[in-house]
Amino acid sequence: MKKNIPVVNIILLGCCLIPLIEDFRLFFQIILIIFLTKLSGSLCRRLGQPAVVGEMLAGILLGPVLLGDYSYFLFPKESLPELHLISQAGLILFMFMVGMELDIGRLKKSGYTSIIISHTSIMVPFVCGILISFYLYPRFSPKEVEFWHFALFMGVAMSITAFPVLARIVKEKGLSKTKLGELAISCAAVDDVTAWCMLGALVAWVRSDSLLGVMMIIPACVLLIWILVKWVKPKLADLFYDGVLNGGRSVLLITLVSLSAYMTEYMGIHALFGAFLVGIVIPETIRKTILSKIEDLTVKVLLPLFFATSGLRMDVEFIGLEYIGGFALILAVAVAGKLLGSSLAAKWCGLDRQTSYSIGVLMNTRGLMELVVLNIGLDLGIIHVEIYGMMVFMALLTTIMTTPLLKLKL
């Protein structure tokens, strides 16, 4: 009796043969990544989850965690630098977008309350991250890494809130015009700015390998911020007075973002920090126009490549009984630190129980921003693939639990 060949086997065979043709490998990889992230994102939306959850999950599924040797065959090591380079360009544009999405006027309006909640939601998980490092460091840290580099990085990684993801969840749930939605977005914005400053200082310390080196970098960073705020921002406001973005102005913006990213990278902080700063000083009159021009390219084409490269960097070794305790500790501390810290701070500021709880749930959303931080830590050698894998899954789970937890009534 003739056996039918499963369609899945035919697809896998085709996927394995196409990358052998080196001239088409990169194009095939990009098409495969975009298709799977789009499909996974659409499925998650139907399940009531933000699309970024599906995109993160697709990136993990393309890696060795699920595909095993198929992953190495589809994405051989020699092809990864090209994907990584393109994904880094996408991240720079994304951080530029994040900077533009920050509404300074809204931050001033929320004032005292958002500052108290956001800084509490940073400091509680930050301290918790340092405390659990006493357990994690001897078991999972690279031996050549100093304890305080590892501990402070874990503190920063625990403190992150995904401002872009949170903003999209608030919008999808129809909370944008509510007190809860406006306060949550303001808190997340302050959280991200503070956490990125902390991460920038840590990266500078690791790269300079001394506190003296950090002290030398700080004046240069302050000078760059002063130039952007006091000189570049007024010039851009005059240039974009009419809200029009033409070819020449687009080239100017790309040059400015690239130059700022290069300068912060040269200082020893990180290129993403420079792009983020430029986004903040872009005039309000042109932000929507710029976002409409670059959002589709960045979010739908370039960021999926980052999700994929993040998944490809994971190692199946961390999925074992000896790592369950470490992962459970990371997840429990991450959720407790963010959710409880934010909720208690909100209650202390005079908000009712339900609103305080909802603020805590939203601030516990980590998503894409956590992946960015973790990739920086992995690139610098502060964390190893085991911790990286645990933290990626923590970021995924804390983002997944946001929507169902929001539905709970206290």
Protein backbone atom coordinates (compact mmCIF):
# COMPACT_ATOMS: atom_id res chain seq x y z
CA MET A 1 0.00 0.00 0.00
CA LYS A 2 1.38 3.40 -1.01
CA LYS A 3 2.10 5.74 1.90
CA ASN A 4 1.22 9.41 1.78
CA ILE A 5 4.09 11.80 2.45
CA PRO A 6 3.10 14.26 5.20
CA VAL A 7 2.94 17.84 4.04
CA VAL A 8 4.98 18.92 7.07
CA ASN A 9 7.90 16.76 5.93
CA ILE A 10 7.80 18.29 2.46
CA ILE A 11 7.84 21.80 3.95
CA LEU A 12 10.73 20.95 6.27
CA LEU A 13 12.65 19.40 3.39
CA GLY A 14 12.13 22.49 1.27
CA CYS A 15 13.16 24.74 4.14
CA CYS A 16 16.36 22.76 4.55
CA LEU A 17 17.28 22.77 0.86
CA ILE A 18 16.72 26.44 0.09
CA PRO A 19 19.33 27.78 2.53
CA LEU A 20 21.95 25.64 0.77
CA ILE A 21 21.80 28.12 -2.08
CA GLU A 22 23.89 30.83 -0.42
CA ASP A 23 22.79 33.56 -2.81
CA PHE A 24 19.20 33.23 -1.60
CA ARG A 25 19.80 32.26 2.03
CA LEU A 26 19.42 35.72 3.58
CA PHE A 27 16.29 36.53 1.58
CA PHE A 28 14.77 33.18 2.48
CA GLN A 29 15.53 33.70 6.17
CA ILE A 30 14.00 37.17 6.18
CA ILE A 31 10.84 35.97 4.39
CA LEU A 32 10.50 32.99 6.75
CA ILE A 33 10.97 35.14 9.86
CA ILE A 34 8.50 37.83 8.77
CA PHE A 35 5.89 35.25 7.75
CA LEU A 36 6.07 33.29 11.00
CA THR A 37 6.11 36.35 13.27
CA LYS A 38 3.15 37.83 11.40
CA LEU A 39 1.23 34.55 11.62
CA SER A 40 2.04 34.05 15.30
CA GLY A 41 1.21 37.67 16.11
CA SER A 42 -2.19 37.39 14.39
CA LEU A 43 -3.01 34.18 16.28
CA CYS A 44 -2.15 35.79 19.61
CA ARG A 45 -4.35 38.78 18.84
CA ARG A 46 -7.27 36.43 18.25
CA LEU A 47 -6.56 34.90 21.65
CA GLY A 48 -6.70 38.34 23.27
CA GLN A 49 -2.96 38.77 23.61
CA PRO A 50 -0.86 41.64 22.18
CA ALA A 51 0.80 40.80 18.86
CA VAL A 52 4.25 41.23 20.39
CA VAL A 53 3.68 38.05 22.43
CA GLY A 54 3.28 36.03 19.24
CA GLU A 55 6.27 37.75 17.66
CA MET A 56 8.47 36.97 20.65
CA LEU A 57 7.21 33.40 20.67
CA ALA A 58 7.90 32.99 16.94
CA GLY A 59 11.47 34.14 17.49
CA ILE A 60 11.94 31.52 20.22
CA LEU A 61 10.34 28.78 18.11
CA LEU A 62 12.74 29.46 15.24
CA GLY A 63 15.66 28.77 17.57
CA PRO A 64 17.13 25.50 18.82
CA VAL A 65 14.69 25.33 21.74
CA LEU A 66 12.04 23.82 19.42
CA LEU A 67 13.68 23.03 16.08
CA GLY A 68 16.94 21.66 17.44
CA ASP A 69 19.34 20.81 14.62
CA TYR A 70 16.85 22.10 12.03
CA SER A 71 17.44 25.58 13.45
CA TYR A 72 21.19 25.36 12.87
CA PHE A 73 20.52 24.14 9.35
CA LEU A 74 18.07 26.91 8.52
CA PHE A 75 20.20 29.54 10.21
CA PRO A 76 23.86 28.45 10.01
CA LYS A 77 26.28 30.40 12.20
CA GLU A 78 27.97 32.08 9.26
CA SER A 79 24.67 33.71 8.25
CA LEU A 80 23.86 35.14 11.69
CA PRO A 81 26.11 38.25 11.52
CA GLU A 82 24.10 39.54 8.54
CA LEU A 83 20.79 39.04 10.32
CA HIS A 84 22.20 40.56 13.50
CA LEU A 85 23.42 43.66 11.65
CA ILE A 86 20.03 44.27 10.03
CA SER A 87 18.21 43.66 13.33
CA GLN A 88 20.46 46.20 15.09
CA ALA A 89 19.49 48.81 12.51
CA GLY A 90 15.87 48.00 13.31
CA LEU A 91 16.52 48.39 17.03
CA ILE A 92 18.07 51.81 16.52
CA LEU A 93 14.99 52.94 14.59
CA PHE A 94 12.76 51.37 17.24
CA MET A 95 14.47 53.22 20.11
CA PHE A 96 14.16 56.40 18.04
CA MET A 97 10.41 55.69 17.85
CA VAL A 98 10.21 54.99 21.60
CA GLY A 99 11.79 58.37 22.29
CA MET A 100 9.26 60.09 20.03
CA GLU A 101 6.33 58.32 21.70
CA LEU A 102 7.24 59.80 25.08
CA ASP A 103 4.91 62.67 25.87
CA ILE A 104 6.84 65.06 28.12
CA GLY A 105 3.72 67.16 28.64
CA ARG A 106 1.86 64.12 29.98
CA LEU A 107 4.74 63.37 32.34
CA LYS A 108 4.58 66.91 33.75
CA LYS A 109 0.81 66.63 34.14
CA SER A 110 0.90 63.36 36.10
CA GLY A 111 3.84 64.68 38.12
CA TYR A 112 4.17 63.46 41.70
CA THR A 113 2.05 60.33 41.41
CA SER A 114 3.75 58.89 38.32
CA ILE A 115 7.22 59.62 39.73
CA ILE A 116 6.45 57.88 43.04
CA ILE A 117 4.91 54.82 41.38
CA SER A 118 7.49 54.49 38.60
CA HIS A 119 10.51 54.86 40.86
CA THR A 120 9.06 52.44 43.39
CA SER A 121 8.42 49.99 40.54
CA ILE A 122 12.10 50.34 39.65
CA MET A 123 13.72 50.24 43.07
CA VAL A 124 11.78 47.27 44.51
CA PRO A 125 12.57 44.84 41.64
CA PHE A 126 16.06 46.38 41.36
CA VAL A 127 16.86 45.49 44.96
CA CYS A 128 15.20 42.09 44.53
CA GLY A 129 17.32 41.43 41.43
CA ILE A 130 20.48 42.17 43.41
CA LEU A 131 19.38 39.92 46.28
CA ILE A 132 18.64 36.88 44.11
CA SER A 133 22.03 37.38 42.43
CA PHE A 134 23.63 35.94 45.56
CA TYR A 135 21.91 32.66 44.60
CA LEU A 136 22.21 32.93 40.81
CA TYR A 137 25.79 34.22 40.49
CA PRO A 138 27.71 31.15 41.74
CA ARG A 139 25.47 28.80 39.74
CA PHE A 140 24.88 30.50 36.38
CA SER A 141 27.22 33.46 35.95
CA PRO A 142 30.33 33.38 33.74
CA LYS A 143 33.35 33.01 36.04
CA GLU A 144 35.17 36.00 34.56
CA VAL A 145 32.29 38.38 35.35
CA GLU A 146 32.48 40.44 38.55
CA PHE A 147 29.66 39.89 41.01
CA TRP A 148 28.52 43.51 41.07
CA HIS A 149 28.40 43.71 37.28
CA PHE A 150 26.14 40.67 37.26
CA ALA A 151 24.04 41.75 40.25
CA LEU A 152 23.44 45.29 39.00
CA PHE A 153 22.53 44.00 35.56
CA MET A 154 20.00 41.60 37.08
CA GLY A 155 18.59 44.51 39.06
CA VAL A 156 18.18 46.65 35.93
CA ALA A 157 16.74 43.74 33.92
CA MET A 158 14.15 43.11 36.63
CA SER A 159 13.21 46.82 36.63
CA ILE A 160 12.28 47.16 32.96
CA THR A 161 8.72 47.93 31.87
CA ALA A 162 7.93 47.68 28.14
CA PHE A 163 6.58 51.18 27.52
CA PRO A 164 5.67 50.55 23.83
CA VAL A 165 3.90 47.26 24.61
CA LEU A 166 2.08 48.74 27.60
CA ALA A 167 0.93 51.70 25.49
CA ARG A 168 -0.48 49.33 22.86
CA ILE A 169 -2.28 47.21 25.47
CA VAL A 170 -3.83 50.35 26.98
CA LYS A 171 -4.97 51.45 23.52
CA GLU A 172 -6.37 48.03 22.57
CA LYS A 173 -8.32 47.84 25.85
CA GLY A 174 -9.85 51.29 25.31
CA LEU A 175 -8.10 52.76 28.37
CA SER A 176 -6.20 55.57 26.61
CA LYS A 177 -8.53 58.34 27.81
CA THR A 178 -9.02 56.96 31.32
CA LYS A 179 -7.11 57.95 34.45
CA LEU A 180 -5.73 54.42 34.69
CA GLY A 181 -4.45 54.42 31.11
CA GLU A 182 -2.85 57.87 31.26
CA LEU A 183 -1.20 57.16 34.61
CA ALA A 184 0.10 53.76 33.49
CA ILE A 185 1.64 55.21 30.33
CA SER A 186 3.23 58.06 32.29
CA CYS A 187 4.67 55.67 34.87
CA ALA A 188 6.02 53.36 32.17
CA ALA A 189 7.61 56.31 30.37
CA VAL A 190 9.39 57.52 33.52
CA ASP A 191 10.36 53.91 34.28
CA ASP A 192 11.94 53.43 30.86
CA VAL A 193 13.90 56.69 30.96
CA THR A 194 15.25 55.93 34.43
CA ALA A 195 16.01 52.28 33.68
CA TRP A 196 17.83 53.20 30.47
CA CYS A 197 19.95 55.73 32.32
CA MET A 198 20.82 53.06 34.89
CA LEU A 199 21.65 50.58 32.12
CA GLY A 200 23.76 53.17 30.32
CA ALA A 201 25.80 53.79 33.49
CA LEU A 202 26.23 50.03 34.01
CA VAL A 203 27.34 49.44 30.41
CA ALA A 204 29.83 52.29 30.74
CA TRP A 205 31.18 50.75 33.96
CA VAL A 206 31.55 47.29 32.41
CA ARG A 207 33.28 48.64 29.31
CA SER A 208 35.62 50.98 31.18
CA ASP A 209 36.13 48.41 33.96
CA SER A 210 36.40 51.15 36.59
CA LEU A 211 34.22 53.69 38.33
CA LEU A 212 36.73 56.36 37.31
CA GLY A 213 36.01 55.52 33.68
CA VAL A 214 32.28 55.97 34.33
CA MET A 215 32.93 59.36 35.94
CA MET A 216 34.79 60.43 32.80
CA ILE A 217 31.92 59.26 30.55
CA ILE A 218 29.16 61.06 32.49
CA PRO A 219 30.27 64.62 31.56
CA ALA A 220 30.42 63.65 27.87
CA CYS A 221 26.92 62.17 28.07
CA VAL A 222 25.58 65.25 29.86
CA LEU A 223 27.19 67.45 27.18
CA LEU A 224 25.48 65.43 24.43
CA ILE A 225 22.09 65.74 26.15
CA TRP A 226 22.65 69.49 26.60
CA ILE A 227 23.49 69.90 22.89
CA LEU A 228 20.40 67.94 21.85
CA VAL A 229 18.02 69.81 24.18
CA LYS A 230 19.41 73.34 24.01
CA TRP A 231 20.67 73.50 20.43
CA VAL A 232 19.34 70.66 18.26
CA LYS A 233 15.71 70.73 19.48
CA PRO A 234 15.13 74.46 18.73
CA LYS A 235 16.78 74.08 15.31
CA LEU A 236 14.54 71.13 14.49
CA ALA A 237 11.47 73.04 15.68
CA ASP A 238 12.33 75.87 13.28
CA LEU A 239 13.04 73.46 10.44
CA PHE A 240 9.86 71.42 10.86
CA TYR A 241 7.53 74.33 11.63
CA ASP A 242 5.19 73.23 8.82
CA GLY A 243 5.10 69.54 9.82
CA VAL A 244 6.35 68.43 6.38
CA LEU A 245 8.88 65.62 5.95
CA ASN A 246 10.58 65.62 2.55
CA GLY A 247 13.60 63.81 1.19
CA GLY A 248 16.20 66.27 2.41
CA ARG A 249 14.74 66.46 5.89
CA SER A 250 14.55 62.64 6.07
CA VAL A 251 18.26 62.40 5.26
CA LEU A 252 18.99 64.98 7.96
CA LEU A 253 17.05 62.98 10.57
CA ILE A 254 18.71 59.70 9.64
CA THR A 255 22.11 61.42 9.85
CA LEU A 256 21.25 62.90 13.25
CA VAL A 257 20.06 59.57 14.66
CA SER A 258 23.12 57.75 13.29
CA LEU A 259 25.51 60.40 14.62
CA SER A 260 23.97 60.39 18.09
CA ALA A 261 23.97 56.58 18.17
CA TYR A 262 27.62 56.55 17.12
CA MET A 263 28.57 59.08 19.77
CA THR A 264 26.95 57.18 22.64
CA GLU A 265 28.50 53.94 21.38
CA TYR A 266 31.89 55.67 21.20
CA MET A 267 31.43 56.98 24.74
CA GLY A 268 30.97 53.39 25.91
CA ILE A 269 27.26 53.59 26.73
CA HIS A 270 25.32 52.07 23.81
CA ALA A 271 24.16 53.13 20.36
CA LEU A 272 20.51 52.58 21.29
CA PHE A 273 20.72 55.23 24.00
CA GLY A 274 21.75 57.85 21.43
CA ALA A 275 18.83 57.03 19.13
CA PHE A 276 16.48 57.20 22.12
CA LEU A 277 17.72 60.69 23.04
CA VAL A 278 17.18 62.03 19.52
CA GLY A 279 13.62 60.69 19.55
CA ILE A 280 12.87 62.66 22.72
CA VAL A 281 13.93 66.02 21.19
CA ILE A 282 11.97 65.61 17.94
CA PRO A 283 9.34 68.42 17.73
CA GLU A 284 5.72 67.48 18.35
CA THR A 285 4.70 68.96 14.99
CA ILE A 286 6.52 66.26 13.02
CA ARG A 287 6.39 63.18 15.28
CA LYS A 288 3.24 61.64 13.83
CA THR A 289 4.52 62.12 10.28
CA ILE A 290 7.86 60.49 11.06
CA LEU A 291 6.19 57.61 12.88
CA SER A 292 3.85 57.00 9.95
CA LYS A 293 6.87 56.79 7.63
CA ILE A 294 9.06 54.40 9.61
CA GLU A 295 6.67 52.42 11.81
CA ASP A 296 5.70 49.75 9.27
CA LEU A 297 9.30 49.16 8.15
CA THR A 298 10.56 49.00 11.73
CA VAL A 299 7.79 47.03 13.43
CA LYS A 300 6.74 44.69 10.61
CA VAL A 301 10.06 44.02 8.87
CA LEU A 302 13.11 44.82 11.00
CA LEU A 303 11.94 43.97 14.55
CA PRO A 304 10.89 40.40 13.59
CA LEU A 305 14.54 39.86 12.64
CA PHE A 306 15.51 40.94 16.15
CA PHE A 307 13.01 38.50 17.67
CA ALA A 308 14.47 35.73 15.53
CA THR A 309 18.09 36.51 16.38
CA SER A 310 17.11 36.66 20.06
CA GLY A 311 15.54 33.19 19.78
CA LEU A 312 18.53 31.83 17.88
CA ARG A 313 20.82 32.92 20.71
CA MET A 314 18.97 30.72 23.18
CA ASP A 315 20.39 27.33 24.09
CA VAL A 316 18.42 24.17 24.86
CA GLU A 317 20.85 23.42 27.71
CA PHE A 318 18.99 25.68 30.14
CA ILE A 319 15.84 23.56 29.81
CA GLY A 320 16.59 21.00 32.50
CA LEU A 321 15.68 20.09 36.06
CA GLU A 322 18.73 21.85 37.46
CA TYR A 323 17.48 25.16 36.07
CA ILE A 324 13.86 24.96 37.23
CA GLY A 325 14.67 26.42 40.64
CA GLY A 326 16.54 29.37 39.15
CA PHE A 327 13.79 30.11 36.62
CA ALA A 328 11.03 29.84 39.26
CA LEU A 329 12.95 32.26 41.50
CA ILE A 330 13.46 34.75 38.65
CA LEU A 331 9.79 34.64 37.61
CA ALA A 332 8.45 34.93 41.17
CA VAL A 333 10.74 37.84 42.07
CA ALA A 334 10.06 39.61 38.76
CA VAL A 335 6.29 39.46 39.20
CA ALA A 336 6.27 40.20 42.93
CA GLY A 337 8.75 43.07 42.64
CA LYS A 338 6.95 44.86 39.83
CA LEU A 339 3.32 44.07 40.59
CA LEU A 340 3.44 44.48 44.36
CA GLY A 341 5.87 47.41 44.29
CA SER A 342 3.76 49.39 41.81
CA SER A 343 0.44 48.48 43.43
CA LEU A 344 1.53 49.45 46.95
CA ALA A 345 3.00 52.71 45.71
CA ALA A 346 -0.23 53.52 43.85
CA LYS A 347 -2.28 52.75 46.96
CA TRP A 348 0.01 54.97 49.02
CA CYS A 349 -0.61 57.78 46.50
CA GLY A 350 -4.34 57.57 47.25
CA LEU A 351 -5.62 55.43 44.35
CA ASP A 352 -8.35 52.88 44.98
CA ARG A 353 -7.60 49.17 45.30
CA GLN A 354 -8.67 48.15 41.77
CA THR A 355 -6.77 50.96 40.05
CA SER A 356 -3.67 50.27 42.14
CA TYR A 357 -3.81 46.58 41.23
CA SER A 358 -4.28 47.38 37.53
CA ILE A 359 -1.30 49.75 37.59
CA GLY A 360 0.82 46.96 39.06
CA VAL A 361 -0.32 44.48 36.40
CA LEU A 362 0.45 46.90 33.56
CA MET A 363 3.86 47.83 34.97
CA ASN A 364 4.72 44.11 35.09
CA THR A 365 4.65 44.04 31.27
CA ARG A 366 8.20 43.58 29.98
CA GLY A 367 7.97 42.39 26.38
CA LEU A 368 10.36 43.70 23.76
CA MET A 369 12.28 46.13 25.98
CA GLU A 370 13.41 43.25 28.18
CA LEU A 371 14.77 41.42 25.14
CA VAL A 372 16.75 44.51 24.16
CA VAL A 373 18.32 44.71 27.62
CA LEU A 374 19.07 40.97 27.72
CA ASN A 375 20.78 41.05 24.33
CA ILE A 376 22.98 43.90 25.54
CA GLY A 377 23.92 41.85 28.60
CA LEU A 378 24.69 38.81 26.47
CA ASP A 379 26.78 40.85 24.02
CA LEU A 380 28.82 42.30 26.90
CA GLY A 381 29.29 38.86 28.45
CA ILE A 382 27.62 39.89 31.72
CA ILE A 383 25.18 36.97 31.53
CA HIS A 384 25.48 33.50 30.04
CA VAL A 385 23.03 31.68 27.76
CA GLU A 386 21.38 29.90 30.71
CA ILE A 387 20.38 33.12 32.47
CA TYR A 388 19.55 34.66 29.09
CA GLY A 389 17.10 31.85 28.32
CA MET A 390 15.44 32.04 31.73
CA MET A 391 15.04 35.81 31.48
CA VAL A 392 13.63 35.62 27.94
CA PHE A 393 10.94 33.20 29.11
CA MET A 394 10.28 35.43 32.12
CA ALA A 395 9.77 38.39 29.77
CA LEU A 396 7.41 36.33 27.63
CA LEU A 397 5.33 35.06 30.58
CA THR A 398 5.06 38.44 32.31
CA THR A 399 3.75 39.90 29.04
CA ILE A 400 1.31 37.03 28.50
CA MET A 401 -0.15 37.33 32.00
CA THR A 402 -0.93 41.06 31.64
CA THR A 403 -4.22 40.69 29.72
CA PRO A 404 -5.82 37.94 31.87
CA LEU A 405 -4.71 39.59 35.14
CA LEU A 406 -6.28 42.88 34.05
CA LYS A 407 -9.66 41.14 33.90
CA LEU A 408 -9.54 40.16 37.58
CA LYS A 409 -11.67 42.27 39.90
CA LEU A 410 -10.56 42.79 43.49
